[in-house]
């Protein structure tokens, strides 16, 4: 039995709610911190999207298209079209509040996500929803920030997988299998996809990406606070 398609009105209402929540939180942070040279809308919006994706991924082991495709389109719309338009015709405080990485950085970030995600999908390292979420995050936050987020995500994904194996009492056995497969690949020069023969559900990628994003935001804020104190 095929799953019924999502109700369009409900999906739109969820996206409107996400945008409103992100705008309110971003504005509250702006007021509470009294910052005038940087905004928080895109960082907050990306975090909200990743939080929703992490919750769904942890519960169902899938990330729906109704979450990823609109996020990608929104990223291109706001960074490639809206912000450049506001920069030339609109008030400066609007562009500061949005905190866009710039259209070049957004496009480069999306290209990097595609270069990482598509081969990973072909080699069965990531699912289709994981790749699309990666692209959405990249086009929203831009190349430079995305690079740090992705590196953090890899570390968290590995940690989640190791903890999962340890809780199941499979850590040593899995490590032996991985080591043996890696040695076999090096000796026989066979395909790398044989190195990791386990299911992709070992570590929900949405959860790892959320943790990588939040940690990148935290370190960025921490650097700013250190600079202020110095």
C-alpha atoms as a PDB file:
ATOM      1  CA  UNK A   1       0.000   0.000   0.000  1.00  0.00           C
ATOM      2  CA  UNK A   2       1.504   3.292  -1.108  1.00  0.00           C
ATOM      3  CA  UNK A   3       1.662   6.087   1.525  1.00  0.00           C
ATOM      4  CA  UNK A   4      -0.770   8.920   0.888  1.00  0.00           C
ATOM      5  CA  UNK A   5       0.807  12.207  -0.303  1.00  0.00           C
ATOM      6  CA  UNK A   6       1.123  14.926   2.345  1.00  0.00           C
ATOM      7  CA  UNK A   7      -1.601  17.542   2.513  1.00  0.00           C
ATOM      8  CA  UNK A   8      -0.305  20.650   0.723  1.00  0.00           C
ATOM      9  CA  UNK A   9      -2.056  23.068   3.038  1.00  0.00           C
ATOM     10  CA  UNK A  10      -0.631  21.384   6.095  1.00  0.00           C
ATOM     11  CA  UNK A  11       2.904  21.400   4.656  1.00  0.00           C
ATOM     12  CA  UNK A  12       2.655  25.112   3.831  1.00  0.00           C
ATOM     13  CA  UNK A  13       1.374  25.877   7.330  1.00  0.00           C
ATOM     14  CA  UNK A  14       4.315  23.996   8.865  1.00  0.00           C
ATOM     15  CA  UNK A  15       6.769  25.994   6.753  1.00  0.00           C
ATOM     16  CA  UNK A  16       5.096  29.280   7.650  1.00  0.00           C
ATOM     17  CA  UNK A  17       5.287  28.258  11.313  1.00  0.00           C
ATOM     18  CA  UNK A  18       8.979  27.381  10.998  1.00  0.00           C
ATOM     19  CA  UNK A  19       9.746  30.723   9.357  1.00  0.00           C
ATOM     20  CA  UNK A  20       7.807  32.633  12.011  1.00  0.00           C
ATOM     21  CA  UNK A  21       9.479  30.775  14.885  1.00  0.00           C
ATOM     22  CA  UNK A  22      12.903  31.381  13.340  1.00  0.00           C
ATOM     23  CA  UNK A  23      12.181  35.084  12.845  1.00  0.00           C
ATOM     24  CA  UNK A  24      10.977  35.522  16.434  1.00  0.00           C
ATOM     25  CA  UNK A  25      13.972  33.695  17.913  1.00  0.00           C
ATOM     26  CA  UNK A  26      16.419  35.566  15.666  1.00  0.00           C
ATOM     27  CA  UNK A  27      14.880  38.908  16.632  1.00  0.00           C
ATOM     28  CA  UNK A  28      14.932  38.019  20.332  1.00  0.00           C
ATOM     29  CA  UNK A  29      18.618  37.097  20.163  1.00  0.00           C
ATOM     30  CA  UNK A  30      19.339  40.314  18.270  1.00  0.00           C
ATOM     31  CA  UNK A  31      17.638  42.390  20.970  1.00  0.00           C
ATOM     32  CA  UNK A  32      19.045  40.493  23.958  1.00  0.00           C
ATOM     33  CA  UNK A  33      22.637  40.616  22.684  1.00  0.00           C
ATOM     34  CA  UNK A  34      22.308  44.167  21.328  1.00  0.00           C
ATOM     35  CA  UNK A  35      24.363  43.230  18.278  1.00  0.00           C
ATOM     36  CA  UNK A  36      24.201  45.526  15.258  1.00  0.00           C
ATOM     37  CA  UNK A  37      26.801  44.109  12.876  1.00  0.00           C
ATOM     38  CA  UNK A  38      25.421  40.564  12.444  1.00  0.00           C
ATOM     39  CA  UNK A  39      22.050  38.835  12.427  1.00  0.00           C
ATOM     40  CA  UNK A  40      20.716  35.448  13.374  1.00  0.00           C
ATOM     41  CA  UNK A  41      17.830  34.577  11.055  1.00  0.00           C
ATOM     42  CA  UNK A  42      19.589  32.091   8.759  1.00  0.00           C
ATOM     43  CA  UNK A  43      21.527  30.356  11.597  1.00  0.00           C
ATOM     44  CA  UNK A  44      18.303  29.976  13.594  1.00  0.00           C
ATOM     45  CA  UNK A  45      16.291  28.843  10.566  1.00  0.00           C
ATOM     46  CA  UNK A  46      18.880  26.209   9.638  1.00  0.00           C
ATOM     47  CA  UNK A  47      18.884  24.947  13.219  1.00  0.00           C
ATOM     48  CA  UNK A  48      15.084  24.657  13.234  1.00  0.00           C
ATOM     49  CA  UNK A  49      15.125  22.697   9.954  1.00  0.00           C
ATOM     50  CA  UNK A  50      17.892  20.388  11.167  1.00  0.00           C
ATOM     51  CA  UNK A  51      16.100  19.842  14.476  1.00  0.00           C
ATOM     52  CA  UNK A  52      12.960  18.743  12.604  1.00  0.00           C
ATOM     53  CA  UNK A  53      15.039  16.501  10.320  1.00  0.00           C
ATOM     54  CA  UNK A  54      16.880  14.967  13.288  1.00  0.00           C
ATOM     55  CA  UNK A  55      13.608  14.186  15.080  1.00  0.00           C
ATOM     56  CA  UNK A  56      12.076  12.570  11.994  1.00  0.00           C
ATOM     57  CA  UNK A  57      15.268  10.703  11.114  1.00  0.00           C
ATOM     58  CA  UNK A  58      15.644   9.309  14.628  1.00  0.00           C
ATOM     59  CA  UNK A  59      12.017   8.151  14.642  1.00  0.00           C
ATOM     60  CA  UNK A  60      11.637   6.831  11.082  1.00  0.00           C
ATOM     61  CA  UNK A  61      15.186   6.593   9.650  1.00  0.00           C
ATOM     62  CA  UNK A  62      14.175   8.812   6.742  1.00  0.00           C
ATOM     63  CA  UNK A  63      14.176  12.536   5.953  1.00  0.00           C
ATOM     64  CA  UNK A  64      11.130  13.576   3.871  1.00  0.00           C
ATOM     65  CA  UNK A  65      11.300  15.569   0.647  1.00  0.00           C
ATOM     66  CA  UNK A  66       8.734  18.067   1.976  1.00  0.00           C
ATOM     67  CA  UNK A  67      11.455  19.184   4.381  1.00  0.00           C
ATOM     68  CA  UNK A  68      14.542  19.150   2.162  1.00  0.00           C
ATOM     69  CA  UNK A  69      13.352  20.443  -1.215  1.00  0.00           C
ATOM     70  CA  UNK A  70      11.667  23.604   0.131  1.00  0.00           C
ATOM     71  CA  UNK A  71      14.750  24.279   2.287  1.00  0.00           C
ATOM     72  CA  UNK A  72      17.001  24.078  -0.788  1.00  0.00           C
ATOM     73  CA  UNK A  73      14.715  26.361  -2.796  1.00  0.00           C
ATOM     74  CA  UNK A  74      14.451  28.791   0.107  1.00  0.00           C
ATOM     75  CA  UNK A  75      18.237  28.863   0.454  1.00  0.00           C
ATOM     76  CA  UNK A  76      18.704  29.794  -3.186  1.00  0.00           C
ATOM     77  CA  UNK A  77      15.826  32.285  -3.083  1.00  0.00           C
ATOM     78  CA  UNK A  78      17.072  34.188  -0.046  1.00  0.00           C
ATOM     79  CA  UNK A  79      20.844  34.049  -0.651  1.00  0.00           C
ATOM     80  CA  UNK A  80      21.036  34.245  -4.446  1.00  0.00           C
ATOM     81  CA  UNK A  81      18.067  36.523  -5.206  1.00  0.00           C
ATOM     82  CA  UNK A  82      16.557  38.306  -2.186  1.00  0.00           C
ATOM     83  CA  UNK A  83      19.657  39.437  -0.302  1.00  0.00           C
ATOM     84  CA  UNK A  84      21.488  40.796  -3.411  1.00  0.00           C
ATOM     85  CA  UNK A  85      18.291  42.680  -4.253  1.00  0.00           C
ATOM     86  CA  UNK A  86      18.013  44.088  -0.723  1.00  0.00           C
ATOM     87  CA  UNK A  87      21.692  45.017  -0.770  1.00  0.00           C
ATOM     88  CA  UNK A  88      21.141  47.371  -3.701  1.00  0.00           C
ATOM     89  CA  UNK A  89      17.615  48.611  -3.032  1.00  0.00           C
ATOM     90  CA  UNK A  90      16.619  47.816   0.537  1.00  0.00           C
ATOM     91  CA  UNK A  91      17.521  48.933   4.059  1.00  0.00           C
ATOM     92  CA  UNK A  92      20.857  47.790   5.421  1.00  0.00           C
ATOM     93  CA  UNK A  93      19.395  46.452   8.679  1.00  0.00           C
ATOM     94  CA  UNK A  94      17.335  43.888   6.735  1.00  0.00           C
ATOM     95  CA  UNK A  95      20.411  42.297   5.165  1.00  0.00           C
ATOM     96  CA  UNK A  96      22.244  42.369   8.498  1.00  0.00           C
ATOM     97  CA  UNK A  97      19.298  40.674  10.234  1.00  0.00           C
ATOM     98  CA  UNK A  98      19.153  37.900   7.607  1.00  0.00           C
ATOM     99  CA  UNK A  99      22.918  37.260   7.892  1.00  0.00           C
ATOM    100  CA  UNK A 100      23.375  35.782   4.427  1.00  0.00           C
ATOM    101  CA  UNK A 101      26.725  34.204   3.546  1.00  0.00           C
ATOM    102  CA  UNK A 102      26.477  35.815   0.095  1.00  0.00           C
ATOM    103  CA  UNK A 103      25.338  34.290  -3.161  1.00  0.00           C
ATOM    104  CA  UNK A 104      28.770  33.026  -4.190  1.00  0.00           C
ATOM    105  CA  UNK A 105      29.370  31.331  -0.855  1.00  0.00           C
ATOM    106  CA  UNK A 106      25.888  29.783  -1.013  1.00  0.00           C
ATOM    107  CA  UNK A 107      26.434  28.390  -4.523  1.00  0.00           C
ATOM    108  CA  UNK A 108      29.922  27.127  -3.646  1.00  0.00           C
ATOM    109  CA  UNK A 109      28.545  25.500  -0.506  1.00  0.00           C
ATOM    110  CA  UNK A 110      25.833  23.721  -2.456  1.00  0.00           C
ATOM    111  CA  UNK A 111      28.397  22.557  -5.029  1.00  0.00           C
ATOM    112  CA  UNK A 112      30.589  21.163  -2.247  1.00  0.00           C
ATOM    113  CA  UNK A 113      27.614  19.351  -0.714  1.00  0.00           C
ATOM    114  CA  UNK A 114      26.833  17.822  -4.123  1.00  0.00           C
ATOM    115  CA  UNK A 115      30.455  16.722  -4.559  1.00  0.00           C
ATOM    116  CA  UNK A 116      30.339  15.048  -1.152  1.00  0.00           C
ATOM    117  CA  UNK A 117      26.781  13.768  -1.157  1.00  0.00           C
ATOM    118  CA  UNK A 118      26.361  12.256  -4.630  1.00  0.00           C
ATOM    119  CA  UNK A 119      29.386   9.897  -4.426  1.00  0.00           C
ATOM    120  CA  UNK A 120      28.365   8.986  -0.856  1.00  0.00           C
ATOM    121  CA  UNK A 121      24.882   8.122  -2.103  1.00  0.00           C
ATOM    122  CA  UNK A 122      26.269   6.027  -4.968  1.00  0.00           C
ATOM    123  CA  UNK A 123      28.562   4.169  -2.535  1.00  0.00           C
ATOM    124  CA  UNK A 124      25.578   3.731  -0.176  1.00  0.00           C
ATOM    125  CA  UNK A 125      27.167   5.747   2.587  1.00  0.00           C
ATOM    126  CA  UNK A 126      24.268   8.241   2.731  1.00  0.00           C
ATOM    127  CA  UNK A 127      20.595   8.022   1.866  1.00  0.00           C
ATOM    128  CA  UNK A 128      18.832  10.310  -0.576  1.00  0.00           C
ATOM    129  CA  UNK A 129      17.241  12.358   2.215  1.00  0.00           C
ATOM    130  CA  UNK A 130      20.635  12.764   3.902  1.00  0.00           C
ATOM    131  CA  UNK A 131      22.173  14.142   0.707  1.00  0.00           C
ATOM    132  CA  UNK A 132      19.303  16.587   0.144  1.00  0.00           C
ATOM    133  CA  UNK A 133      19.463  17.803   3.749  1.00  0.00           C
ATOM    134  CA  UNK A 134      23.203  18.302   3.333  1.00  0.00           C
ATOM    135  CA  UNK A 135      22.566  20.414   0.236  1.00  0.00           C
ATOM    136  CA  UNK A 136      19.901  22.467   2.011  1.00  0.00           C
ATOM    137  CA  UNK A 137      22.213  23.272   4.909  1.00  0.00           C
ATOM    138  CA  UNK A 138      25.086  24.122   2.560  1.00  0.00           C
ATOM    139  CA  UNK A 139      23.123  26.550   0.388  1.00  0.00           C
ATOM    140  CA  UNK A 140      21.748  28.288   3.475  1.00  0.00           C
ATOM    141  CA  UNK A 141      24.934  28.754   5.515  1.00  0.00           C
ATOM    142  CA  UNK A 142      27.490  28.935   2.700  1.00  0.00           C
ATOM    143  CA  UNK A 143      30.773  27.226   1.857  1.00  0.00           C
ATOM    144  CA  UNK A 144      33.005  28.311   4.734  1.00  0.00           C
ATOM    145  CA  UNK A 145      30.590  27.547   7.569  1.00  0.00           C
ATOM    146  CA  UNK A 146      29.352  24.369   5.891  1.00  0.00           C
ATOM    147  CA  UNK A 147      32.876  22.960   5.749  1.00  0.00           C
ATOM    148  CA  UNK A 148      33.202  23.226   9.530  1.00  0.00           C
ATOM    149  CA  UNK A 149      29.700  21.831  10.060  1.00  0.00           C
ATOM    150  CA  UNK A 150      30.405  18.833   7.840  1.00  0.00           C
ATOM    151  CA  UNK A 151      33.662  17.975   9.610  1.00  0.00           C
ATOM    152  CA  UNK A 152      31.872  18.181  12.963  1.00  0.00           C
ATOM    153  CA  UNK A 153      29.071  16.000  11.581  1.00  0.00           C
ATOM    154  CA  UNK A 154      31.517  13.256  10.588  1.00  0.00           C
ATOM    155  CA  UNK A 155      32.909  13.183  14.109  1.00  0.00           C
ATOM    156  CA  UNK A 156      29.467  13.035  15.703  1.00  0.00           C
ATOM    157  CA  UNK A 157      28.287  10.350  13.265  1.00  0.00           C
ATOM    158  CA  UNK A 158      31.304   8.204  14.124  1.00  0.00           C
ATOM    159  CA  UNK A 159      30.748   8.767  17.856  1.00  0.00           C
ATOM    160  CA  UNK A 160      27.042   7.883  17.611  1.00  0.00           C
ATOM    161  CA  UNK A 161      27.861   4.726  15.658  1.00  0.00           C
ATOM    162  CA  UNK A 162      30.504   3.632  18.178  1.00  0.00           C
ATOM    163  CA  UNK A 163      28.190   4.269  21.129  1.00  0.00           C
ATOM    164  CA  UNK A 164      25.410   2.363  19.373  1.00  0.00           C
ATOM    165  CA  UNK A 165      27.703  -0.611  18.796  1.00  0.00           C
ATOM    166  CA  UNK A 166      28.972  -0.478  22.393  1.00  0.00           C
ATOM    167  CA  UNK A 167      25.431  -0.468  23.794  1.00  0.00           C
ATOM    168  CA  UNK A 168      24.616  -3.525  21.671  1.00  0.00           C
ATOM    169  CA  UNK A 169      27.833  -5.267  22.740  1.00  0.00           C
ATOM    170  CA  UNK A 170      29.056  -5.379  19.128  1.00  0.00           C
ATOM    171  CA  UNK A 171      31.918  -2.899  19.217  1.00  0.00           C
ATOM    172  CA  UNK A 172      34.818  -5.375  19.134  1.00  0.00           C
ATOM    173  CA  UNK A 173      33.194  -7.648  16.543  1.00  0.00           C
ATOM    174  CA  UNK A 174      32.326  -4.743  14.246  1.00  0.00           C
ATOM    175  CA  UNK A 175      35.835  -3.308  14.561  1.00  0.00           C
ATOM    176  CA  UNK A 176      37.323  -6.666  13.586  1.00  0.00           C
ATOM    177  CA  UNK A 177      35.065  -6.883  10.524  1.00  0.00           C
ATOM    178  CA  UNK A 178      35.957  -3.359   9.432  1.00  0.00           C
ATOM    179  CA  UNK A 179      39.680  -3.968   9.896  1.00  0.00           C
ATOM    180  CA  UNK A 180      39.540  -7.236   7.977  1.00  0.00           C
ATOM    181  CA  UNK A 181      37.560  -5.705   5.115  1.00  0.00           C
ATOM    182  CA  UNK A 182      39.910  -2.723   4.908  1.00  0.00           C
ATOM    183  CA  UNK A 183      42.953  -4.998   4.701  1.00  0.00           C
ATOM    184  CA  UNK A 184      41.222  -7.080   1.992  1.00  0.00           C
ATOM    185  CA  UNK A 185      40.462  -3.942  -0.043  1.00  0.00           C
ATOM    186  CA  UNK A 186      44.075  -2.743   0.212  1.00  0.00           C
ATOM    187  CA  UNK A 187      45.465  -6.136  -0.794  1.00  0.00           C
ATOM    188  CA  UNK A 188      42.985  -6.943  -3.585  1.00  0.00           C
ATOM    189  CA  UNK A 189      42.257  -3.335  -4.608  1.00  0.00           C
ATOM    190  CA  UNK A 190      38.555  -4.112  -4.704  1.00  0.00           C
ATOM    191  CA  UNK A 191      35.669  -1.651  -4.306  1.00  0.00           C
ATOM    192  CA  UNK A 192      35.630   0.552  -1.205  1.00  0.00           C
ATOM    193  CA  UNK A 193      31.920  -0.034  -0.680  1.00  0.00           C
ATOM    194  CA  UNK A 194      32.796  -3.485   0.697  1.00  0.00           C
ATOM    195  CA  UNK A 195      34.644  -1.936   3.629  1.00  0.00           C
ATOM    196  CA  UNK A 196      31.463  -0.987   5.477  1.00  0.00           C
ATOM    197  CA  UNK A 197      28.887  -3.790   4.993  1.00  0.00           C
ATOM    198  CA  UNK A 198      26.494  -2.588   7.691  1.00  0.00           C
ATOM    199  CA  UNK A 199      23.173  -0.802   7.431  1.00  0.00           C
ATOM    200  CA  UNK A 200      23.034   2.991   7.076  1.00  0.00           C
ATOM    201  CA  UNK A 201      20.642   3.147  10.037  1.00  0.00           C
ATOM    202  CA  UNK A 202      23.471   2.628  12.537  1.00  0.00           C
ATOM    203  CA  UNK A 203      23.722   6.391  13.070  1.00  0.00           C
ATOM    204  CA  UNK A 204      20.874   8.750  12.029  1.00  0.00           C
ATOM    205  CA  UNK A 205      22.606  11.316   9.844  1.00  0.00           C
ATOM    206  CA  UNK A 206      20.050  13.999  10.693  1.00  0.00           C
ATOM    207  CA  UNK A 207      21.006  13.792  14.374  1.00  0.00           C
ATOM    208  CA  UNK A 208      24.727  13.958  13.604  1.00  0.00           C
ATOM    209  CA  UNK A 209      24.189  16.944  11.286  1.00  0.00           C
ATOM    210  CA  UNK A 210      22.191  18.808  13.940  1.00  0.00           C
ATOM    211  CA  UNK A 211      24.958  18.250  16.494  1.00  0.00           C
ATOM    212  CA  UNK A 212      27.587  19.339  13.967  1.00  0.00           C
ATOM    213  CA  UNK A 213      25.629  22.499  13.182  1.00  0.00           C
ATOM    214  CA  UNK A 214      25.002  23.432  16.810  1.00  0.00           C
ATOM    215  CA  UNK A 215      28.637  22.823  17.752  1.00  0.00           C
ATOM    216  CA  UNK A 216      29.804  25.021  14.861  1.00  0.00           C
ATOM    217  CA  UNK A 217      27.455  27.806  16.005  1.00  0.00           C
ATOM    218  CA  UNK A 218      28.662  27.413  19.592  1.00  0.00           C
ATOM    219  CA  UNK A 219      32.335  27.650  18.667  1.00  0.00           C
ATOM    220  CA  UNK A 220      31.632  30.676  16.470  1.00  0.00           C
ATOM    221  CA  UNK A 221      29.844  32.441  19.338  1.00  0.00           C
ATOM    222  CA  UNK A 222      32.599  31.371  21.724  1.00  0.00           C
ATOM    223  CA  UNK A 223      35.240  32.941  19.464  1.00  0.00           C
ATOM    224  CA  UNK A 224      33.276  36.195  19.355  1.00  0.00           C
ATOM    225  CA  UNK A 225      32.966  36.269  23.152  1.00  0.00           C
ATOM    226  CA  UNK A 226      36.702  35.627  23.548  1.00  0.00           C
ATOM    227  CA  UNK A 227      37.496  38.434  21.109  1.00  0.00           C
ATOM    228  CA  UNK A 228      35.240  40.810  23.052  1.00  0.00           C
ATOM    229  CA  UNK A 229      36.824  39.865  26.369  1.00  0.00           C
ATOM    230  CA  UNK A 230      40.298  40.330  24.968  1.00  0.00           C
END
